[in-house]
């Protein structure tokens, strides 16, 4: 028996869509037929991405979003639903990191990462879920999906990014809590934990001596590509996977299996 997944008529909001994994997630969902709402502070880059998606036959909208600002979150979600329609899928992707020893972390460094990676992710999901729950109460068969982007750094401590690891561990626990509380409303909440993925942000680092040493420590001595996450993203976004809820899924080429 074959299963054909159809995203036609689905509205997907992707945070942190201006570059890296967020931009790829938007392209993957748009390519599968969903209307995508691109959200980030860098709206100039979002407009370029929208043009790319539209040139490929997809549908995309742009909203300004600062996940560290509750008013901005509420405004962006309202704008997204006005522009595109009720959000069916949230890809909660915004994230930042710094490289430093824990002893050198300042209160500003700590707030920078926690406010974006954990606090921001929580309130984006919360404000989106409020609307999803209201719709579910009117239509108990309605299905929604929230996909939080965590990291293998939330599962094991990696050197020089301790606070980032802490923030992503929080995202993992947040995912489980949301899955338990919101599952009865037809909202499936799952998390993807990517390993080392090469994007325009870090690709130069992977070419350095330190970066190559890091890659050589991985099971297959390679970094992933953003498109390597397409299949998992589309799986978790599908209505057909209604029994997957509260899952924390690694996509790390075997890194955490070592």
C-alpha atoms as a PDB file:
ATOM      1  CA  UNK A   1       0.000   0.000   0.000  1.00  0.00           C
ATOM      2  CA  UNK A   2       1.452   3.363  -1.000  1.00  0.00           C
ATOM      3  CA  UNK A   3       1.103   6.611   0.918  1.00  0.00           C
ATOM      4  CA  UNK A   4       0.985   9.896  -0.978  1.00  0.00           C
ATOM      5  CA  UNK A   5       1.566  12.961   1.181  1.00  0.00           C
ATOM      6  CA  UNK A   6      -0.164  16.096  -0.033  1.00  0.00           C
ATOM      7  CA  UNK A   7       0.606  19.560   1.343  1.00  0.00           C
ATOM      8  CA  UNK A   8      -1.722  21.442  -1.008  1.00  0.00           C
ATOM      9  CA  UNK A   9      -3.785  23.916   1.012  1.00  0.00           C
ATOM     10  CA  UNK A  10      -1.439  23.738   4.008  1.00  0.00           C
ATOM     11  CA  UNK A  11       0.018  26.899   5.537  1.00  0.00           C
ATOM     12  CA  UNK A  12       3.486  26.588   7.093  1.00  0.00           C
ATOM     13  CA  UNK A  13       5.210  29.258   9.187  1.00  0.00           C
ATOM     14  CA  UNK A  14       9.001  28.975   9.292  1.00  0.00           C
ATOM     15  CA  UNK A  15      10.958  31.113  11.742  1.00  0.00           C
ATOM     16  CA  UNK A  16      14.580  32.005  11.116  1.00  0.00           C
ATOM     17  CA  UNK A  17      13.887  31.542   7.410  1.00  0.00           C
ATOM     18  CA  UNK A  18      16.313  34.149   6.124  1.00  0.00           C
ATOM     19  CA  UNK A  19      19.251  31.737   5.768  1.00  0.00           C
ATOM     20  CA  UNK A  20      20.646  28.302   6.546  1.00  0.00           C
ATOM     21  CA  UNK A  21      18.315  25.526   7.617  1.00  0.00           C
ATOM     22  CA  UNK A  22      15.290  27.816   7.843  1.00  0.00           C
ATOM     23  CA  UNK A  23      15.577  28.812   4.192  1.00  0.00           C
ATOM     24  CA  UNK A  24      15.929  25.165   3.197  1.00  0.00           C
ATOM     25  CA  UNK A  25      12.920  24.125   5.290  1.00  0.00           C
ATOM     26  CA  UNK A  26      10.851  26.778   3.519  1.00  0.00           C
ATOM     27  CA  UNK A  27      11.938  25.566   0.093  1.00  0.00           C
ATOM     28  CA  UNK A  28      11.217  21.942   0.975  1.00  0.00           C
ATOM     29  CA  UNK A  29       7.692  22.666   2.192  1.00  0.00           C
ATOM     30  CA  UNK A  30       6.936  25.007  -0.691  1.00  0.00           C
ATOM     31  CA  UNK A  31       8.224  22.408  -3.135  1.00  0.00           C
ATOM     32  CA  UNK A  32       5.832  19.894  -1.569  1.00  0.00           C
ATOM     33  CA  UNK A  33       2.870  22.192  -2.204  1.00  0.00           C
ATOM     34  CA  UNK A  34       2.458  24.152   1.027  1.00  0.00           C
ATOM     35  CA  UNK A  35       2.104  27.911   1.185  1.00  0.00           C
ATOM     36  CA  UNK A  36       5.012  29.101   3.301  1.00  0.00           C
ATOM     37  CA  UNK A  37       5.260  32.153   5.520  1.00  0.00           C
ATOM     38  CA  UNK A  38       8.864  33.265   5.881  1.00  0.00           C
ATOM     39  CA  UNK A  39       9.633  34.924   9.214  1.00  0.00           C
ATOM     40  CA  UNK A  40      12.794  36.649  10.395  1.00  0.00           C
ATOM     41  CA  UNK A  41      14.187  40.043  11.303  1.00  0.00           C
ATOM     42  CA  UNK A  42      16.065  40.215   7.985  1.00  0.00           C
ATOM     43  CA  UNK A  43      13.138  40.830   5.666  1.00  0.00           C
ATOM     44  CA  UNK A  44      15.396  41.827   2.769  1.00  0.00           C
ATOM     45  CA  UNK A  45      16.731  38.262   2.656  1.00  0.00           C
ATOM     46  CA  UNK A  46      13.223  36.873   3.078  1.00  0.00           C
ATOM     47  CA  UNK A  47      12.071  38.785   0.024  1.00  0.00           C
ATOM     48  CA  UNK A  48      14.916  37.267  -2.000  1.00  0.00           C
ATOM     49  CA  UNK A  49      13.920  33.804  -0.802  1.00  0.00           C
ATOM     50  CA  UNK A  50      10.269  34.488  -1.642  1.00  0.00           C
ATOM     51  CA  UNK A  51      11.321  35.398  -5.184  1.00  0.00           C
ATOM     52  CA  UNK A  52      13.241  32.095  -5.484  1.00  0.00           C
ATOM     53  CA  UNK A  53      10.287  30.074  -4.235  1.00  0.00           C
ATOM     54  CA  UNK A  54       7.844  31.856  -6.540  1.00  0.00           C
ATOM     55  CA  UNK A  55      10.195  31.367  -9.502  1.00  0.00           C
ATOM     56  CA  UNK A  56      10.017  27.634  -8.797  1.00  0.00           C
ATOM     57  CA  UNK A  57       6.221  27.725  -8.804  1.00  0.00           C
ATOM     58  CA  UNK A  58       5.687  27.920  -5.035  1.00  0.00           C
ATOM     59  CA  UNK A  59       3.752  30.368  -2.881  1.00  0.00           C
ATOM     60  CA  UNK A  60       5.446  32.384  -0.153  1.00  0.00           C
ATOM     61  CA  UNK A  61       4.732  35.333   2.127  1.00  0.00           C
ATOM     62  CA  UNK A  62       7.074  37.485   4.218  1.00  0.00           C
ATOM     63  CA  UNK A  63       6.562  38.654   7.811  1.00  0.00           C
ATOM     64  CA  UNK A  64       8.928  40.493  10.119  1.00  0.00           C
ATOM     65  CA  UNK A  65       9.638  38.609  13.342  1.00  0.00           C
ATOM     66  CA  UNK A  66      11.898  39.155  16.332  1.00  0.00           C
ATOM     67  CA  UNK A  67      11.438  36.083  18.543  1.00  0.00           C
ATOM     68  CA  UNK A  68      12.883  37.918  21.555  1.00  0.00           C
ATOM     69  CA  UNK A  69       9.961  40.385  21.474  1.00  0.00           C
ATOM     70  CA  UNK A  70       6.521  39.075  22.509  1.00  0.00           C
ATOM     71  CA  UNK A  71       4.723  41.906  20.718  1.00  0.00           C
ATOM     72  CA  UNK A  72       6.611  41.058  17.521  1.00  0.00           C
ATOM     73  CA  UNK A  73       5.658  37.381  17.879  1.00  0.00           C
ATOM     74  CA  UNK A  74       1.968  38.169  18.256  1.00  0.00           C
ATOM     75  CA  UNK A  75       2.054  40.633  15.370  1.00  0.00           C
ATOM     76  CA  UNK A  76       3.919  38.228  13.052  1.00  0.00           C
ATOM     77  CA  UNK A  77       1.526  35.345  13.686  1.00  0.00           C
ATOM     78  CA  UNK A  78      -1.508  37.575  13.171  1.00  0.00           C
ATOM     79  CA  UNK A  79       0.041  38.955   9.980  1.00  0.00           C
ATOM     80  CA  UNK A  80       0.868  35.446   8.753  1.00  0.00           C
ATOM     81  CA  UNK A  81      -2.720  34.266   9.179  1.00  0.00           C
ATOM     82  CA  UNK A  82      -4.093  37.430   7.564  1.00  0.00           C
ATOM     83  CA  UNK A  83      -1.777  37.049   4.565  1.00  0.00           C
ATOM     84  CA  UNK A  84      -1.889  33.287   4.049  1.00  0.00           C
ATOM     85  CA  UNK A  85      -4.553  31.734   6.272  1.00  0.00           C
ATOM     86  CA  UNK A  86      -4.642  29.639   9.455  1.00  0.00           C
ATOM     87  CA  UNK A  87      -1.253  28.104  10.259  1.00  0.00           C
ATOM     88  CA  UNK A  88      -1.233  24.307   9.948  1.00  0.00           C
ATOM     89  CA  UNK A  89       2.498  23.740  10.419  1.00  0.00           C
ATOM     90  CA  UNK A  90       5.023  25.649  12.527  1.00  0.00           C
ATOM     91  CA  UNK A  91       8.718  25.063  11.963  1.00  0.00           C
ATOM     92  CA  UNK A  92      10.221  26.657  15.069  1.00  0.00           C
ATOM     93  CA  UNK A  93      13.741  27.182  13.792  1.00  0.00           C
ATOM     94  CA  UNK A  94      15.189  30.505  15.003  1.00  0.00           C
ATOM     95  CA  UNK A  95      18.463  30.039  16.845  1.00  0.00           C
ATOM     96  CA  UNK A  96      21.818  31.641  17.643  1.00  0.00           C
ATOM     97  CA  UNK A  97      25.111  30.530  19.143  1.00  0.00           C
ATOM     98  CA  UNK A  98      28.452  31.811  20.345  1.00  0.00           C
ATOM     99  CA  UNK A  99      31.745  29.978  20.810  1.00  0.00           C
ATOM    100  CA  UNK A 100      33.305  30.504  24.224  1.00  0.00           C
ATOM    101  CA  UNK A 101      34.218  28.822  27.477  1.00  0.00           C
ATOM    102  CA  UNK A 102      31.544  28.815  30.166  1.00  0.00           C
ATOM    103  CA  UNK A 103      33.827  30.830  32.437  1.00  0.00           C
ATOM    104  CA  UNK A 104      33.820  33.628  29.864  1.00  0.00           C
ATOM    105  CA  UNK A 105      30.032  33.819  29.360  1.00  0.00           C
ATOM    106  CA  UNK A 106      28.584  37.192  30.314  1.00  0.00           C
ATOM    107  CA  UNK A 107      24.978  37.841  31.347  1.00  0.00           C
ATOM    108  CA  UNK A 108      24.498  39.428  27.927  1.00  0.00           C
ATOM    109  CA  UNK A 109      25.853  36.324  26.150  1.00  0.00           C
ATOM    110  CA  UNK A 110      23.581  34.088  28.224  1.00  0.00           C
ATOM    111  CA  UNK A 111      20.504  36.193  27.570  1.00  0.00           C
ATOM    112  CA  UNK A 112      21.321  36.400  23.846  1.00  0.00           C
ATOM    113  CA  UNK A 113      21.174  32.625  23.449  1.00  0.00           C
ATOM    114  CA  UNK A 114      18.426  31.781  25.917  1.00  0.00           C
ATOM    115  CA  UNK A 115      16.121  34.578  24.770  1.00  0.00           C
ATOM    116  CA  UNK A 116      16.271  33.359  21.172  1.00  0.00           C
ATOM    117  CA  UNK A 117      16.760  29.605  21.424  1.00  0.00           C
ATOM    118  CA  UNK A 118      14.468  28.769  24.332  1.00  0.00           C
ATOM    119  CA  UNK A 119      12.309  31.680  25.459  1.00  0.00           C
ATOM    120  CA  UNK A 120      11.663  32.819  21.889  1.00  0.00           C
ATOM    121  CA  UNK A 121      10.937  29.301  20.662  1.00  0.00           C
ATOM    122  CA  UNK A 122       8.523  28.765  23.548  1.00  0.00           C
ATOM    123  CA  UNK A 123       6.463  31.876  22.938  1.00  0.00           C
ATOM    124  CA  UNK A 124       6.339  31.401  19.164  1.00  0.00           C
ATOM    125  CA  UNK A 125       4.959  27.903  19.754  1.00  0.00           C
ATOM    126  CA  UNK A 126       2.618  29.090  22.503  1.00  0.00           C
ATOM    127  CA  UNK A 127       1.096  31.913  20.479  1.00  0.00           C
ATOM    128  CA  UNK A 128       0.709  29.681  17.421  1.00  0.00           C
ATOM    129  CA  UNK A 129      -0.776  26.871  19.505  1.00  0.00           C
ATOM    130  CA  UNK A 130      -3.405  29.181  21.008  1.00  0.00           C
ATOM    131  CA  UNK A 131      -4.846  29.690  17.525  1.00  0.00           C
ATOM    132  CA  UNK A 132      -4.490  26.010  16.657  1.00  0.00           C
ATOM    133  CA  UNK A 133      -6.343  24.996  19.841  1.00  0.00           C
ATOM    134  CA  UNK A 134      -9.163  27.440  19.148  1.00  0.00           C
ATOM    135  CA  UNK A 135      -9.638  25.916  15.690  1.00  0.00           C
ATOM    136  CA  UNK A 136      -9.456  22.375  17.049  1.00  0.00           C
ATOM    137  CA  UNK A 137     -12.247  23.105  19.501  1.00  0.00           C
ATOM    138  CA  UNK A 138     -14.439  23.987  16.537  1.00  0.00           C
ATOM    139  CA  UNK A 139     -13.270  21.022  14.458  1.00  0.00           C
ATOM    140  CA  UNK A 140     -11.984  18.090  16.576  1.00  0.00           C
ATOM    141  CA  UNK A 141     -10.649  16.342  13.453  1.00  0.00           C
ATOM    142  CA  UNK A 142      -8.329  19.240  12.618  1.00  0.00           C
ATOM    143  CA  UNK A 143      -4.627  18.311  12.590  1.00  0.00           C
ATOM    144  CA  UNK A 144      -1.720  20.677  13.311  1.00  0.00           C
ATOM    145  CA  UNK A 145       2.028  20.165  13.480  1.00  0.00           C
ATOM    146  CA  UNK A 146       4.777  21.939  15.429  1.00  0.00           C
ATOM    147  CA  UNK A 147       8.365  20.992  14.610  1.00  0.00           C
ATOM    148  CA  UNK A 148      10.951  22.404  16.990  1.00  0.00           C
ATOM    149  CA  UNK A 149      14.523  22.519  15.721  1.00  0.00           C
ATOM    150  CA  UNK A 150      16.762  21.409  18.562  1.00  0.00           C
ATOM    151  CA  UNK A 151      20.273  19.975  18.084  1.00  0.00           C
ATOM    152  CA  UNK A 152      22.478  17.040  18.986  1.00  0.00           C
ATOM    153  CA  UNK A 153      24.018  19.656  21.296  1.00  0.00           C
ATOM    154  CA  UNK A 154      20.879  19.276  23.383  1.00  0.00           C
ATOM    155  CA  UNK A 155      21.669  15.580  23.827  1.00  0.00           C
ATOM    156  CA  UNK A 156      25.388  15.744  24.536  1.00  0.00           C
ATOM    157  CA  UNK A 157      27.746  18.495  25.594  1.00  0.00           C
ATOM    158  CA  UNK A 158      29.931  19.823  22.795  1.00  0.00           C
ATOM    159  CA  UNK A 159      33.046  21.904  23.511  1.00  0.00           C
ATOM    160  CA  UNK A 160      32.960  25.698  23.595  1.00  0.00           C
ATOM    161  CA  UNK A 161      29.159  25.969  23.167  1.00  0.00           C
ATOM    162  CA  UNK A 162      27.936  25.063  26.631  1.00  0.00           C
ATOM    163  CA  UNK A 163      25.133  27.625  26.883  1.00  0.00           C
ATOM    164  CA  UNK A 164      23.899  26.676  23.406  1.00  0.00           C
ATOM    165  CA  UNK A 165      23.799  23.043  24.585  1.00  0.00           C
ATOM    166  CA  UNK A 166      21.783  24.103  27.625  1.00  0.00           C
ATOM    167  CA  UNK A 167      19.314  26.056  25.511  1.00  0.00           C
ATOM    168  CA  UNK A 168      18.746  23.180  23.088  1.00  0.00           C
ATOM    169  CA  UNK A 169      18.324  20.700  25.941  1.00  0.00           C
ATOM    170  CA  UNK A 170      15.561  23.022  27.076  1.00  0.00           C
ATOM    171  CA  UNK A 171      13.974  22.869  23.631  1.00  0.00           C
ATOM    172  CA  UNK A 172      13.912  19.071  23.872  1.00  0.00           C
ATOM    173  CA  UNK A 173      12.099  19.109  27.217  1.00  0.00           C
ATOM    174  CA  UNK A 174       9.832  21.876  25.947  1.00  0.00           C
ATOM    175  CA  UNK A 175       8.874  19.680  22.993  1.00  0.00           C
ATOM    176  CA  UNK A 176       7.867  16.812  25.255  1.00  0.00           C
ATOM    177  CA  UNK A 177       5.837  19.081  27.542  1.00  0.00           C
ATOM    178  CA  UNK A 178       3.990  20.612  24.585  1.00  0.00           C
ATOM    179  CA  UNK A 179       3.312  17.197  23.057  1.00  0.00           C
ATOM    180  CA  UNK A 180       1.722  15.968  26.284  1.00  0.00           C
ATOM    181  CA  UNK A 181      -0.394  19.066  26.889  1.00  0.00           C
ATOM    182  CA  UNK A 182      -1.472  19.863  23.325  1.00  0.00           C
ATOM    183  CA  UNK A 183      -1.789  16.389  21.841  1.00  0.00           C
ATOM    184  CA  UNK A 184      -5.475  16.176  22.777  1.00  0.00           C
ATOM    185  CA  UNK A 185      -6.134  19.067  20.400  1.00  0.00           C
ATOM    186  CA  UNK A 186      -4.641  17.271  17.405  1.00  0.00           C
ATOM    187  CA  UNK A 187      -1.350  19.169  17.672  1.00  0.00           C
ATOM    188  CA  UNK A 188       1.672  16.916  17.227  1.00  0.00           C
ATOM    189  CA  UNK A 189       4.857  18.459  18.598  1.00  0.00           C
ATOM    190  CA  UNK A 190       8.183  16.864  17.692  1.00  0.00           C
ATOM    191  CA  UNK A 191      11.820  17.929  17.568  1.00  0.00           C
ATOM    192  CA  UNK A 192      14.589  17.448  15.042  1.00  0.00           C
ATOM    193  CA  UNK A 193      18.137  17.279  16.415  1.00  0.00           C
ATOM    194  CA  UNK A 194      20.506  17.935  13.508  1.00  0.00           C
ATOM    195  CA  UNK A 195      24.165  17.078  13.720  1.00  0.00           C
ATOM    196  CA  UNK A 196      26.825  19.097  11.924  1.00  0.00           C
ATOM    197  CA  UNK A 197      25.198  20.618   8.833  1.00  0.00           C
ATOM    198  CA  UNK A 198      27.199  22.779   6.444  1.00  0.00           C
ATOM    199  CA  UNK A 199      25.487  26.070   5.601  1.00  0.00           C
ATOM    200  CA  UNK A 200      26.669  29.459   4.404  1.00  0.00           C
ATOM    201  CA  UNK A 201      27.140  30.383   8.065  1.00  0.00           C
ATOM    202  CA  UNK A 202      29.700  27.693   8.916  1.00  0.00           C
ATOM    203  CA  UNK A 203      31.005  26.263   5.646  1.00  0.00           C
ATOM    204  CA  UNK A 204      34.218  28.310   5.814  1.00  0.00           C
ATOM    205  CA  UNK A 205      34.896  26.984   9.321  1.00  0.00           C
ATOM    206  CA  UNK A 206      34.676  23.384   8.103  1.00  0.00           C
ATOM    207  CA  UNK A 207      37.500  24.178   5.656  1.00  0.00           C
ATOM    208  CA  UNK A 208      39.862  25.288   8.437  1.00  0.00           C
ATOM    209  CA  UNK A 209      42.282  22.924  10.154  1.00  0.00           C
ATOM    210  CA  UNK A 210      40.128  22.871  13.316  1.00  0.00           C
ATOM    211  CA  UNK A 211      37.004  22.308  11.276  1.00  0.00           C
ATOM    212  CA  UNK A 212      38.534  19.416   9.350  1.00  0.00           C
ATOM    213  CA  UNK A 213      39.651  17.797  12.607  1.00  0.00           C
ATOM    214  CA  UNK A 214      36.099  18.033  13.856  1.00  0.00           C
ATOM    215  CA  UNK A 215      34.704  16.407  10.712  1.00  0.00           C
ATOM    216  CA  UNK A 216      37.329  13.652  10.902  1.00  0.00           C
ATOM    217  CA  UNK A 217      35.934  12.676  14.320  1.00  0.00           C
ATOM    218  CA  UNK A 218      32.489  11.918  12.865  1.00  0.00           C
ATOM    219  CA  UNK A 219      31.567   8.326  11.919  1.00  0.00           C
ATOM    220  CA  UNK A 220      31.556   8.966   8.171  1.00  0.00           C
ATOM    221  CA  UNK A 221      33.866  11.972   8.290  1.00  0.00           C
ATOM    222  CA  UNK A 222      31.454  14.358   6.617  1.00  0.00           C
ATOM    223  CA  UNK A 223      29.103  17.200   7.428  1.00  0.00           C
ATOM    224  CA  UNK A 224      25.518  17.076   6.275  1.00  0.00           C
ATOM    225  CA  UNK A 225      23.769  19.355   3.814  1.00  0.00           C
ATOM    226  CA  UNK A 226      20.543  21.255   4.583  1.00  0.00           C
ATOM    227  CA  UNK A 227      18.636  19.124   2.079  1.00  0.00           C
ATOM    228  CA  UNK A 228      19.572  16.016   4.082  1.00  0.00           C
ATOM    229  CA  UNK A 229      16.839  17.041   6.530  1.00  0.00           C
ATOM    230  CA  UNK A 230      14.081  17.351   3.906  1.00  0.00           C
ATOM    231  CA  UNK A 231      12.702  13.850   4.336  1.00  0.00           C
ATOM    232  CA  UNK A 232      12.463  14.068   8.117  1.00  0.00           C
ATOM    233  CA  UNK A 233      10.888  17.520   7.994  1.00  0.00           C
ATOM    234  CA  UNK A 234       8.215  16.427   5.516  1.00  0.00           C
ATOM    235  CA  UNK A 235       7.571  13.277   7.529  1.00  0.00           C
ATOM    236  CA  UNK A 236       6.893  15.202  10.732  1.00  0.00           C
ATOM    237  CA  UNK A 237       4.781  17.808   8.940  1.00  0.00           C
ATOM    238  CA  UNK A 238       2.443  15.225   7.411  1.00  0.00           C
ATOM    239  CA  UNK A 239      -1.038  14.424   8.745  1.00  0.00           C
ATOM    240  CA  UNK A 240      -0.356  10.765   7.976  1.00  0.00           C
ATOM    241  CA  UNK A 241       2.176  10.627  10.847  1.00  0.00           C
ATOM    242  CA  UNK A 242      -0.457  11.408  13.467  1.00  0.00           C
ATOM    243  CA  UNK A 243       0.955   8.773  15.852  1.00  0.00           C
ATOM    244  CA  UNK A 244       4.354  10.490  16.094  1.00  0.00           C
ATOM    245  CA  UNK A 245       4.101  12.952  18.970  1.00  0.00           C
ATOM    246  CA  UNK A 246       6.737  14.027  21.478  1.00  0.00           C
ATOM    247  CA  UNK A 247       9.498  12.398  19.429  1.00  0.00           C
ATOM    248  CA  UNK A 248      13.070  13.669  19.600  1.00  0.00           C
ATOM    249  CA  UNK A 249      14.701  12.542  16.366  1.00  0.00           C
ATOM    250  CA  UNK A 250      18.380  12.885  15.554  1.00  0.00           C
ATOM    251  CA  UNK A 251      19.593  13.455  12.027  1.00  0.00           C
ATOM    252  CA  UNK A 252      23.329  13.358  12.603  1.00  0.00           C
ATOM    253  CA  UNK A 253      24.796  10.632  10.363  1.00  0.00           C
ATOM    254  CA  UNK A 254      25.483   8.443  13.387  1.00  0.00           C
ATOM    255  CA  UNK A 255      27.281  11.042  15.501  1.00  0.00           C
ATOM    256  CA  UNK A 256      25.370  10.359  18.718  1.00  0.00           C
ATOM    257  CA  UNK A 257      25.537   6.605  18.145  1.00  0.00           C
ATOM    258  CA  UNK A 258      29.263   6.621  18.886  1.00  0.00           C
END
